[in-house]
């Protein structure tokens, strides 16, 4: 396979939503393009691999590929888009904003840039809100940080005092410094999802205790400091059905509600509880967080939805991008397979499409019918000899 075949195979895997295969095929194509000195094609392949890495939630790899693509072609607006998305996933909102703004200067009519610029500005505005802070002393064990050993002078002073019959000074407990770790939460009728944005924590060093009205977490942060916090919940949860997971960017808690009520606040009085169907008093899409600044997510959601309607189907946009960057054989394969199959098959492999008539494959339980077949008769398939 040539490097173009490998990159096209990556495109095909993206269409099939097989993102791991897409990354593997893009990687092979990128290596081959580097060996062949195909710099322009290399930039496009790097940007495509960044898109696949984002689908796999691998923001660091996506960021590296987007930066490499821009180093080759600083005018590639989709590389700026993918760089911005990777930085946003890493909570680097100021850098993400700069990337989206740079892309918007190159492609002003690309509406997703406007959406993500607003999202970045909303996140930056909310970062000055109330953070979760350490409130108690961690016990020894998972998530605790030991106090530094006493100096030799302190040891000598203590020993001298003991010899003179004096009681040694009481040991001062280690108190972790206040933390600036941000958290936010959202809810459904069944669950409360709580996200603590502590990067690079490990499950082995994280201790979480669930009780009906409390969630207590102790962990070690990336800089080695201790984090210890308790949330006093508005309503009861089921501790046995609640769980947590450590990811690269955060600790996510999934709290199973005991009652299908809308919590007005994560930590508040029972008077803030409302039925989910009480539209007059409850906003299901409030997306409450630890920030003092409230963002009108409903308005933002409406604008995003409007822009999606204007821009069209994202999958169709992907097809258009693949077609625009494809070679002649790939374009021929896409047109032939789409037309002959009645829009049910799309392949980028000319070697397959050129073998004969591309049969349509409708979804299971459906029958492929065409008004052309009804009105003009079914087209004659090319013979094997043709």
Protein backbone atom coordinates (compact mmCIF):
# COMPACT_ATOMS: atom_id res chain seq x y z
CA UNK A 1 0.00 0.00 0.00
CA UNK A 2 1.18 3.50 -0.80
CA UNK A 3 1.04 6.21 1.81
CA UNK A 4 -2.09 7.62 0.13
CA UNK A 5 -3.78 4.20 0.40
CA UNK A 6 -2.96 4.07 4.09
CA UNK A 7 -4.31 7.56 4.73
CA UNK A 8 -7.45 6.73 2.73
CA UNK A 9 -7.85 3.59 4.83
CA UNK A 10 -7.70 5.85 7.87
CA UNK A 11 -10.46 8.02 6.36
CA UNK A 12 -12.56 4.91 5.74
CA UNK A 13 -12.08 3.79 9.36
CA UNK A 14 -13.18 7.26 10.54
CA UNK A 15 -16.38 6.91 8.51
CA UNK A 16 -16.97 3.53 10.17
CA UNK A 17 -16.25 5.12 13.59
CA UNK A 18 -13.37 2.67 14.10
CA UNK A 19 -11.08 5.29 15.56
CA UNK A 20 -8.32 2.98 16.80
CA UNK A 21 -7.90 1.55 13.31
CA UNK A 22 -8.00 5.09 11.92
CA UNK A 23 -5.12 6.15 14.18
CA UNK A 24 -3.12 3.05 13.18
CA UNK A 25 -3.65 3.61 9.44
CA UNK A 26 -2.95 7.34 9.66
CA UNK A 27 0.25 6.54 11.55
CA UNK A 28 1.43 4.21 8.80
CA UNK A 29 0.59 6.78 6.16
CA UNK A 30 2.35 9.55 8.12
CA UNK A 31 5.52 7.48 8.46
CA UNK A 32 5.50 6.74 4.73
CA UNK A 33 4.79 10.37 3.83
CA UNK A 34 7.71 11.49 6.00
CA UNK A 35 10.01 9.06 4.21
CA UNK A 36 8.76 10.31 0.84
CA UNK A 37 9.08 13.99 1.69
CA UNK A 38 5.38 14.68 1.10
CA UNK A 39 5.12 17.69 3.41
CA UNK A 40 1.74 19.03 2.29
CA UNK A 41 0.10 15.61 2.50
CA UNK A 42 1.86 15.00 5.81
CA UNK A 43 0.22 18.06 7.37
CA UNK A 44 -3.26 16.89 6.29
CA UNK A 45 -2.62 13.38 7.61
CA UNK A 46 -1.39 14.73 10.96
CA UNK A 47 -4.52 16.85 11.27
CA UNK A 48 -6.69 13.82 10.45
CA UNK A 49 -4.91 11.72 13.07
CA UNK A 50 -5.52 14.52 15.59
CA UNK A 51 -9.25 14.22 14.83
CA UNK A 52 -9.14 10.46 15.45
CA UNK A 53 -7.22 10.94 18.72
CA UNK A 54 -9.85 13.41 19.91
CA UNK A 55 -12.51 10.76 19.30
CA UNK A 56 -10.47 8.44 21.56
CA UNK A 57 -10.23 11.16 24.26
CA UNK A 58 -6.46 11.33 23.78
CA UNK A 59 -6.12 15.10 23.89
CA UNK A 60 -2.33 15.11 24.38
CA UNK A 61 -1.70 13.12 21.18
CA UNK A 62 -4.21 15.26 19.31
CA UNK A 63 -2.48 18.44 20.47
CA UNK A 64 0.94 17.16 19.36
CA UNK A 65 -0.36 16.23 15.91
CA UNK A 66 -2.19 19.52 15.47
CA UNK A 67 0.95 21.46 16.41
CA UNK A 68 3.06 19.37 14.00
CA UNK A 69 0.54 19.98 11.20
CA UNK A 70 0.60 23.74 11.83
CA UNK A 71 4.39 23.75 11.84
CA UNK A 72 4.21 22.44 8.27
CA UNK A 73 1.18 24.44 7.11
CA UNK A 74 0.29 27.43 9.32
CA UNK A 75 -2.80 28.14 7.18
CA UNK A 76 -4.59 24.85 7.93
CA UNK A 77 -7.71 26.03 9.74
CA UNK A 78 -8.85 22.52 10.75
CA UNK A 79 -5.52 21.96 12.51
CA UNK A 80 -6.29 25.07 14.58
CA UNK A 81 -9.76 23.68 15.29
CA UNK A 82 -8.33 20.37 16.53
CA UNK A 83 -5.62 22.14 18.52
CA UNK A 84 -8.29 24.22 20.21
CA UNK A 85 -10.45 21.17 20.95
CA UNK A 86 -7.48 19.36 22.49
CA UNK A 87 -6.56 22.34 24.66
CA UNK A 88 -10.19 22.76 25.74
CA UNK A 89 -10.28 19.10 26.80
CA UNK A 90 -7.12 19.74 28.82
CA UNK A 91 -8.82 22.71 30.56
CA UNK A 92 -6.34 25.12 28.94
CA UNK A 93 -9.11 27.54 28.03
CA UNK A 94 -6.98 30.62 27.34
CA UNK A 95 -4.73 28.70 24.94
CA UNK A 96 -7.76 27.04 23.35
CA UNK A 97 -9.32 30.46 22.80
CA UNK A 98 -6.15 31.67 21.06
CA UNK A 99 -6.18 28.61 18.77
CA UNK A 100 -9.84 29.06 17.83
CA UNK A 101 -9.33 32.77 17.18
CA UNK A 102 -6.32 32.04 14.96
CA UNK A 103 -8.38 29.53 12.98
CA UNK A 104 -11.27 31.98 12.67
CA UNK A 105 -8.94 34.56 11.13
CA UNK A 106 -8.05 32.04 8.40
CA UNK A 107 -11.61 30.75 7.90
CA UNK A 108 -14.04 33.42 9.19
CA UNK A 109 -17.11 31.61 7.82
CA UNK A 110 -16.40 28.35 9.70
CA UNK A 111 -19.13 28.70 12.33
CA UNK A 112 -17.81 26.14 14.86
CA UNK A 113 -14.98 28.57 15.61
CA UNK A 114 -17.53 31.12 16.85
CA UNK A 115 -19.22 28.51 19.03
CA UNK A 116 -15.99 27.35 20.66
CA UNK A 117 -14.75 30.90 21.14
CA UNK A 118 -17.92 31.60 23.16
CA UNK A 119 -17.45 28.40 25.15
CA UNK A 120 -13.86 29.33 26.00
CA UNK A 121 -14.89 32.81 27.10
CA UNK A 122 -17.65 31.33 29.27
CA UNK A 123 -15.20 28.95 30.94
CA UNK A 124 -12.64 31.69 31.51
CA UNK A 125 -15.31 33.90 33.04
CA UNK A 126 -16.36 31.11 35.41
CA UNK A 127 -12.83 30.23 36.56
CA UNK A 128 -12.90 33.01 39.14
CA UNK A 129 -15.70 31.18 40.96
CA UNK A 130 -15.67 29.30 44.25
CA UNK A 131 -13.27 26.33 44.18
CA UNK A 132 -13.49 23.21 46.27
CA UNK A 133 -10.95 23.56 49.10
CA UNK A 134 -9.29 21.23 51.56
CA UNK A 135 -11.26 21.20 54.82
CA UNK A 136 -9.77 18.51 57.02
CA UNK A 137 -6.53 16.77 57.86
CA UNK A 138 -5.85 13.64 55.80
CA UNK A 139 -5.22 10.46 57.70
CA UNK A 140 -2.26 8.24 56.97
CA UNK A 141 -2.78 6.03 53.97
CA UNK A 142 -4.01 6.58 50.47
CA UNK A 143 -4.10 10.22 49.54
CA UNK A 144 -2.13 11.48 52.56
CA UNK A 145 1.06 13.49 52.40
CA UNK A 146 3.65 13.11 55.12
CA UNK A 147 5.03 16.10 56.97
CA UNK A 148 8.75 16.82 56.42
CA UNK A 149 11.12 15.17 58.94
CA UNK A 150 12.19 17.32 61.91
CA UNK A 151 15.55 19.05 61.71
CA UNK A 152 18.55 17.82 63.74
CA UNK A 153 18.32 20.96 65.93
CA UNK A 154 14.70 20.18 66.78
CA UNK A 155 15.62 16.59 67.68
CA UNK A 156 18.44 17.78 69.95
CA UNK A 157 16.17 20.32 71.70
CA UNK A 158 13.51 17.67 72.31
CA UNK A 159 16.07 15.24 73.72
CA UNK A 160 17.50 17.91 76.06
CA UNK A 161 14.05 18.78 77.33
CA UNK A 162 13.25 15.13 78.00
CA UNK A 163 16.49 14.74 79.98
CA UNK A 164 15.49 17.72 82.14
CA UNK A 165 12.11 16.16 82.86
CA UNK A 166 10.14 18.44 80.60
CA UNK A 167 7.36 17.08 78.41
CA UNK A 168 8.19 17.21 74.69
CA UNK A 169 6.15 19.72 72.65
CA UNK A 170 2.99 18.34 71.09
CA UNK A 171 3.46 17.21 67.48
CA UNK A 172 1.74 19.54 65.03
CA UNK A 173 -0.52 17.72 62.57
CA UNK A 174 0.12 18.17 58.86
CA UNK A 175 -2.56 20.34 57.29
CA UNK A 176 -2.68 20.43 53.48
CA UNK A 177 -2.61 23.82 51.85
CA UNK A 178 -5.91 25.12 50.48
CA UNK A 179 -6.56 23.73 47.03
CA UNK A 180 -7.71 25.56 43.94
CA UNK A 181 -9.13 22.42 42.34
CA UNK A 182 -12.29 23.23 40.42
CA UNK A 183 -15.36 21.00 40.35
CA UNK A 184 -18.72 21.02 38.64
CA UNK A 185 -21.76 18.77 38.34
CA UNK A 186 -24.87 17.99 36.35
CA UNK A 187 -27.75 15.60 36.86
CA UNK A 188 -30.43 13.36 35.41
CA UNK A 189 -33.43 11.89 37.18
CA UNK A 190 -31.30 8.89 38.24
CA UNK A 191 -27.78 10.20 38.72
CA UNK A 192 -25.66 13.15 39.78
CA UNK A 193 -22.38 13.38 37.86
CA UNK A 194 -19.71 15.22 39.84
CA UNK A 195 -16.36 16.08 38.21
CA UNK A 196 -13.31 17.12 40.23
CA UNK A 197 -10.74 18.61 37.84
CA UNK A 198 -7.64 17.16 39.45
CA UNK A 199 -5.20 16.12 36.74
CA UNK A 200 -3.05 12.98 36.74
CA UNK A 201 -4.40 11.39 39.92
CA UNK A 202 -4.10 7.63 40.39
CA UNK A 203 -6.75 5.28 41.70
CA UNK A 204 -4.18 3.73 44.05
CA UNK A 205 -3.70 7.08 45.78
CA UNK A 206 -7.37 8.06 45.79
CA UNK A 207 -9.72 7.16 48.63
CA UNK A 208 -13.43 7.83 48.24
CA UNK A 209 -16.14 7.17 50.82
CA UNK A 210 -19.81 7.34 49.86
CA UNK A 211 -22.56 7.73 52.46
CA UNK A 212 -26.20 8.73 52.06
CA UNK A 213 -25.60 12.46 52.33
CA UNK A 214 -21.82 12.78 51.94
CA UNK A 215 -19.02 12.16 49.45
CA UNK A 216 -15.54 12.27 50.95
CA UNK A 217 -12.44 12.16 48.74
CA UNK A 218 -8.73 12.09 49.59
CA UNK A 219 -6.10 12.01 46.88
CA UNK A 220 -2.63 13.20 45.94
CA UNK A 221 -2.48 15.95 43.36
CA UNK A 222 -0.04 16.18 40.47
CA UNK A 223 2.28 18.48 42.45
CA UNK A 224 2.41 16.01 45.36
CA UNK A 225 0.16 17.98 47.69
CA UNK A 226 -2.74 16.36 49.54
CA UNK A 227 -6.35 17.01 48.65
CA UNK A 228 -9.11 16.25 51.16
CA UNK A 229 -12.70 17.36 50.70
CA UNK A 230 -16.24 16.42 51.72
CA UNK A 231 -19.41 17.35 49.89
CA UNK A 232 -22.55 17.51 52.04
CA UNK A 233 -25.25 16.55 49.56
CA UNK A 234 -28.68 18.10 49.14
CA UNK A 235 -30.45 14.71 49.02
CA UNK A 236 -29.75 11.05 49.70
CA UNK A 237 -27.78 8.80 47.35
CA UNK A 238 -27.32 5.02 47.21
CA UNK A 239 -23.70 4.45 48.33
CA UNK A 240 -23.57 0.89 46.98
CA UNK A 241 -24.68 1.96 43.50
CA UNK A 242 -22.36 5.00 43.36
CA UNK A 243 -18.88 4.89 41.86
CA UNK A 244 -15.89 6.95 40.77
CA UNK A 245 -13.19 6.77 38.11
CA UNK A 246 -9.81 8.48 37.74
CA UNK A 247 -9.11 9.85 34.26
CA UNK A 248 -6.17 11.82 32.95
CA UNK A 249 -7.94 15.12 33.48
CA UNK A 250 -10.29 14.59 36.43
CA UNK A 251 -11.94 12.34 38.99
CA UNK A 252 -15.53 11.65 38.00
CA UNK A 253 -18.12 10.55 40.55
CA UNK A 254 -21.38 8.87 39.52
CA UNK A 255 -23.87 9.25 42.36
CA UNK A 256 -27.05 7.16 42.25
CA UNK A 257 -29.99 9.18 43.51
CA UNK A 258 -32.41 7.60 45.97
CA UNK A 259 -35.21 9.90 44.84
CA UNK A 260 -35.85 11.06 41.23
CA UNK A 261 -35.80 14.75 42.15
CA UNK A 262 -34.05 17.76 40.66
CA UNK A 263 -31.45 19.15 43.04
CA UNK A 264 -31.41 22.92 43.03
CA UNK A 265 -27.88 22.80 44.47
CA UNK A 266 -25.24 20.13 44.98
CA UNK A 267 -24.94 21.13 48.63
CA UNK A 268 -28.07 22.78 49.96
CA UNK A 269 -31.33 22.51 51.83
CA UNK A 270 -34.10 20.01 51.03
CA UNK A 271 -36.29 22.98 50.12
CA UNK A 272 -34.34 23.26 46.84
CA UNK A 273 -35.56 19.82 45.67
CA UNK A 274 -38.17 19.84 42.93
CA UNK A 275 -39.85 17.25 40.68
CA UNK A 276 -38.25 17.03 37.26
CA UNK A 277 -41.57 17.64 35.54
CA UNK A 278 -42.15 20.93 37.40
CA UNK A 279 -41.25 23.16 34.47
CA UNK A 280 -42.32 26.33 36.29
CA UNK A 281 -39.66 26.05 38.96
CA UNK A 282 -36.97 23.74 37.63
CA UNK A 283 -34.58 24.15 34.76
CA UNK A 284 -33.28 20.73 33.78
CA UNK A 285 -30.45 22.33 31.80
CA UNK A 286 -29.09 24.64 34.46
CA UNK A 287 -25.84 22.57 34.65
CA UNK A 288 -24.91 23.88 38.11
CA UNK A 289 -21.26 24.12 39.03
CA UNK A 290 -18.88 25.39 41.70
CA UNK A 291 -18.72 28.77 39.99
CA UNK A 292 -20.45 31.84 41.40
CA UNK A 293 -20.96 33.08 37.87
CA UNK A 294 -23.98 31.46 36.20
CA UNK A 295 -23.75 30.76 32.49
CA UNK A 296 -26.94 30.64 30.45
CA UNK A 297 -26.31 27.21 28.97
CA UNK A 298 -29.83 27.09 27.49
CA UNK A 299 -29.08 30.13 25.35
CA UNK A 300 -25.70 28.72 24.35
CA UNK A 301 -27.26 25.35 23.55
CA UNK A 302 -29.86 27.08 21.38
CA UNK A 303 -27.18 28.96 19.47
CA UNK A 304 -25.11 25.80 18.97
CA UNK A 305 -28.17 23.93 17.73
CA UNK A 306 -29.03 26.76 15.36
CA UNK A 307 -25.50 26.76 13.96
CA UNK A 308 -25.59 22.99 13.53
CA UNK A 309 -28.83 23.32 11.58
CA UNK A 310 -27.30 25.98 9.36
CA UNK A 311 -24.06 24.10 8.85
CA UNK A 312 -25.60 20.67 8.23
CA UNK A 313 -24.80 17.14 9.31
CA UNK A 314 -21.28 16.85 10.86
CA UNK A 315 -20.81 13.42 9.24
CA UNK A 316 -21.62 14.93 5.86
CA UNK A 317 -19.01 17.61 6.56
CA UNK A 318 -16.48 14.83 7.21
CA UNK A 319 -17.32 13.22 3.87
CA UNK A 320 -16.87 16.59 2.15
CA UNK A 321 -13.51 17.08 3.80
CA UNK A 322 -12.33 13.59 2.80
CA UNK A 323 -13.50 14.15 -0.79
CA UNK A 324 -11.85 17.57 -1.03
CA UNK A 325 -8.46 16.21 0.12
CA UNK A 326 -8.65 12.93 -1.83
CA UNK A 327 -6.81 11.87 -4.97
CA UNK A 328 -8.62 11.09 -8.23
CA UNK A 329 -8.99 7.35 -7.56
CA UNK A 330 -10.52 7.97 -4.15
CA UNK A 331 -13.02 10.43 -5.61
CA UNK A 332 -13.97 7.97 -8.35
CA UNK A 333 -14.50 5.24 -5.74
CA UNK A 334 -16.68 7.47 -3.57
CA UNK A 335 -18.87 8.62 -6.49
CA UNK A 336 -19.23 5.18 -8.04
CA UNK A 337 -20.07 3.39 -4.78
CA UNK A 338 -22.53 6.05 -3.65
CA UNK A 339 -24.42 6.28 -6.94
CA UNK A 340 -24.58 2.55 -7.73
CA UNK A 341 -25.60 1.55 -4.19
CA UNK A 342 -28.33 4.15 -3.98
CA UNK A 343 -26.54 6.05 -1.23
CA UNK A 344 -26.14 3.03 1.08
CA UNK A 345 -22.43 2.32 0.46
CA UNK A 346 -19.50 4.74 0.42
CA UNK A 347 -15.97 3.47 -0.09
CA UNK A 348 -12.68 5.26 -0.65
CA UNK A 349 -10.98 2.20 -2.15
CA UNK A 350 -10.96 2.28 -5.95
CA UNK A 351 -9.44 -1.19 -6.01
CA UNK A 352 -12.70 -2.51 -4.53
CA UNK A 353 -15.14 -0.21 -6.31
CA UNK A 354 -13.63 -0.90 -9.73
CA UNK A 355 -14.26 -4.64 -9.52
CA UNK A 356 -17.90 -4.34 -10.55
CA UNK A 357 -21.34 -3.00 -9.75
CA UNK A 358 -21.61 -1.87 -6.10
CA UNK A 359 -24.66 -3.48 -4.55
CA UNK A 360 -26.73 -1.46 -2.10
CA UNK A 361 -26.83 -2.65 1.51
CA UNK A 362 -29.82 -1.07 3.29
CA UNK A 363 -30.05 -1.23 7.11
CA UNK A 364 -31.39 -4.43 8.64
CA UNK A 365 -35.17 -4.71 8.36
CA UNK A 366 -35.39 -2.26 5.45
CA UNK A 367 -35.72 -2.82 1.71
CA UNK A 368 -33.79 -0.77 -0.84
CA UNK A 369 -36.13 0.82 -3.38
CA UNK A 370 -35.49 3.53 -5.94
CA UNK A 371 -37.87 5.77 -7.83
CA UNK A 372 -35.51 5.33 -10.77
CA UNK A 373 -36.12 1.55 -10.66
CA UNK A 374 -39.86 2.12 -10.40
CA UNK A 375 -40.12 4.65 -13.24
CA UNK A 376 -37.33 3.71 -15.62
CA UNK A 377 -36.52 0.14 -14.70
CA UNK A 378 -33.54 -1.18 -12.81
CA UNK A 379 -30.22 -0.25 -14.44
CA UNK A 380 -28.32 -3.07 -16.08
CA UNK A 381 -25.25 -4.14 -14.13
CA UNK A 382 -21.98 -4.05 -16.04
CA UNK A 383 -20.89 -7.49 -17.12
CA UNK A 384 -17.72 -9.02 -15.72
CA UNK A 385 -16.08 -8.61 -19.11
CA UNK A 386 -16.70 -4.87 -19.20
